[in-house]
Protein backbone atom coordinates (compact mmCIF):
# COMPACT_ATOMS: atom_id res chain seq x y z
CA MET A 1 58.73 171.50 31.88
CA ILE A 2 60.60 172.26 35.12
CA VAL A 3 59.33 169.05 36.69
CA LYS A 4 60.66 167.03 33.73
CA THR A 5 64.01 168.80 33.91
CA PHE A 6 64.35 168.03 37.61
CA GLY A 7 63.10 164.52 36.91
CA VAL A 8 66.10 164.02 34.61
CA LEU A 9 68.68 166.03 36.54
CA GLY A 10 67.86 164.44 39.92
CA PRO A 11 68.88 160.88 38.99
CA ILE A 12 71.94 162.16 37.11
CA MET A 13 73.11 164.12 40.14
CA THR A 14 72.40 161.13 42.38
CA ALA A 15 74.50 158.89 40.14
CA ILE A 16 77.37 161.38 40.15
CA GLY A 17 77.21 161.63 43.94
CA ALA A 18 77.18 157.84 44.29
CA PHE A 19 80.21 157.57 42.00
CA LEU A 20 82.14 160.17 44.02
CA LEU A 21 81.27 158.44 47.27
CA ALA A 22 82.38 155.05 45.92
CA TYR A 23 85.59 156.58 44.57
CA ASP A 24 86.34 158.13 47.97
CA VAL A 25 85.65 154.85 49.80
CA PHE A 26 87.97 152.79 47.56
CA ARG A 27 90.73 155.34 46.96
CA ARG A 28 92.32 155.21 50.42
CA PRO A 29 92.61 151.40 50.71
CA ILE A 30 94.00 151.23 47.19
CA ARG A 31 96.66 153.83 48.05
CA LEU A 32 97.57 151.95 51.23
CA VAL A 33 97.98 148.68 49.31
CA GLU A 34 100.00 150.49 46.65
CA HIS A 35 102.29 152.00 49.31
CA GLU A 36 102.83 148.64 51.00
CA LEU A 37 103.20 146.30 48.04
CA PHE A 38 104.76 148.30 45.24
CA TYR A 39 108.21 149.81 45.21
CA LYS A 40 107.30 153.19 43.69
CA GLY A 41 104.23 153.45 45.90
CA HIS A 42 106.30 152.69 48.98
CA LEU A 43 108.79 155.40 48.05
CA GLN A 44 105.97 157.85 47.33
CA GLY A 45 104.37 157.13 50.71
CA LEU A 46 107.71 157.70 52.41
CA LYS A 47 108.17 160.95 50.50
CA ASP A 48 104.66 162.14 51.43
CA PHE A 49 105.34 161.35 55.10
CA GLN A 50 108.66 163.20 54.90
CA GLU A 51 106.99 166.30 53.45
CA ILE A 52 104.44 166.30 56.28
CA ASN A 53 107.17 165.93 58.91
CA MET A 54 109.31 168.66 57.40
CA GLY A 55 106.33 171.01 57.32
CA VAL A 56 105.71 170.37 61.01
CA PHE A 57 109.35 170.98 61.93
CA GLU A 58 109.55 174.15 59.86
CA ARG A 59 106.43 175.55 61.55
CA LEU A 60 107.75 175.04 65.08
CA SER A 61 107.50 178.31 66.92
CA THR A 62 110.75 180.02 67.74
CA PRO A 63 110.22 180.95 71.43
CA PRO A 64 110.14 177.38 72.80
CA TYR A 65 112.59 176.15 70.15
CA THR A 66 115.73 177.93 69.10
CA GLU A 67 116.71 177.99 65.45
CA GLU A 68 119.56 175.61 66.31
CA GLU A 69 117.12 173.10 67.86
CA LYS A 70 114.80 173.34 64.86
CA ASN A 71 117.69 172.78 62.46
CA LYS A 72 118.86 169.81 64.54
CA LEU A 73 115.39 168.24 64.39
CA ILE A 74 115.24 168.82 60.64
CA ARG A 75 118.69 167.26 60.12
CA GLU A 76 117.71 164.24 62.22
CA GLN A 77 114.51 163.78 60.24
CA GLU A 78 116.36 164.07 56.95
CA ALA A 79 118.85 161.45 58.13
CA LYS A 80 116.01 159.08 59.12
CA TYR A 81 114.36 159.64 55.75
CA GLU A 82 117.56 158.92 53.83
CA THR A 83 118.24 155.78 55.89
CA ARG A 84 114.72 154.45 55.30
CA ARG A 85 114.81 155.34 51.60
CA GLU A 86 118.08 153.44 51.20
CA GLU A 87 116.59 150.44 53.03
CA ILE A 88 113.61 150.43 50.68
CA GLU A 89 115.84 150.70 47.63
CA LYS A 90 117.97 147.76 48.80
CA ASN A 91 115.02 145.53 49.65
CA PRO A 92 111.69 146.98 48.44
CA LEU A 93 109.45 144.29 49.99
CA LYS A 94 110.92 144.30 53.51
CA LYS A 95 108.53 145.56 56.16
CA ASN A 96 109.44 147.71 59.17
């Protein structure tokens, strides 16, 4: 009975694993194409990148950087983000 159970569960688990692997392989290229070719995807990619950058700037340690320097870096990044977002909104298909 146990051998039959494993005989059925083994191929099912293998199929699930193969599906997850295929999904993982195709997901990233699809997201990259979506971010490059489609307006909403391009904006979402820019927003994701902005969130990563802001997280890095907010985690800068205070001894090498003063609070004023951190705030300046954050303001500069926000200005770059807004400029790029406006460029995308004006002409969604224009590349860098």
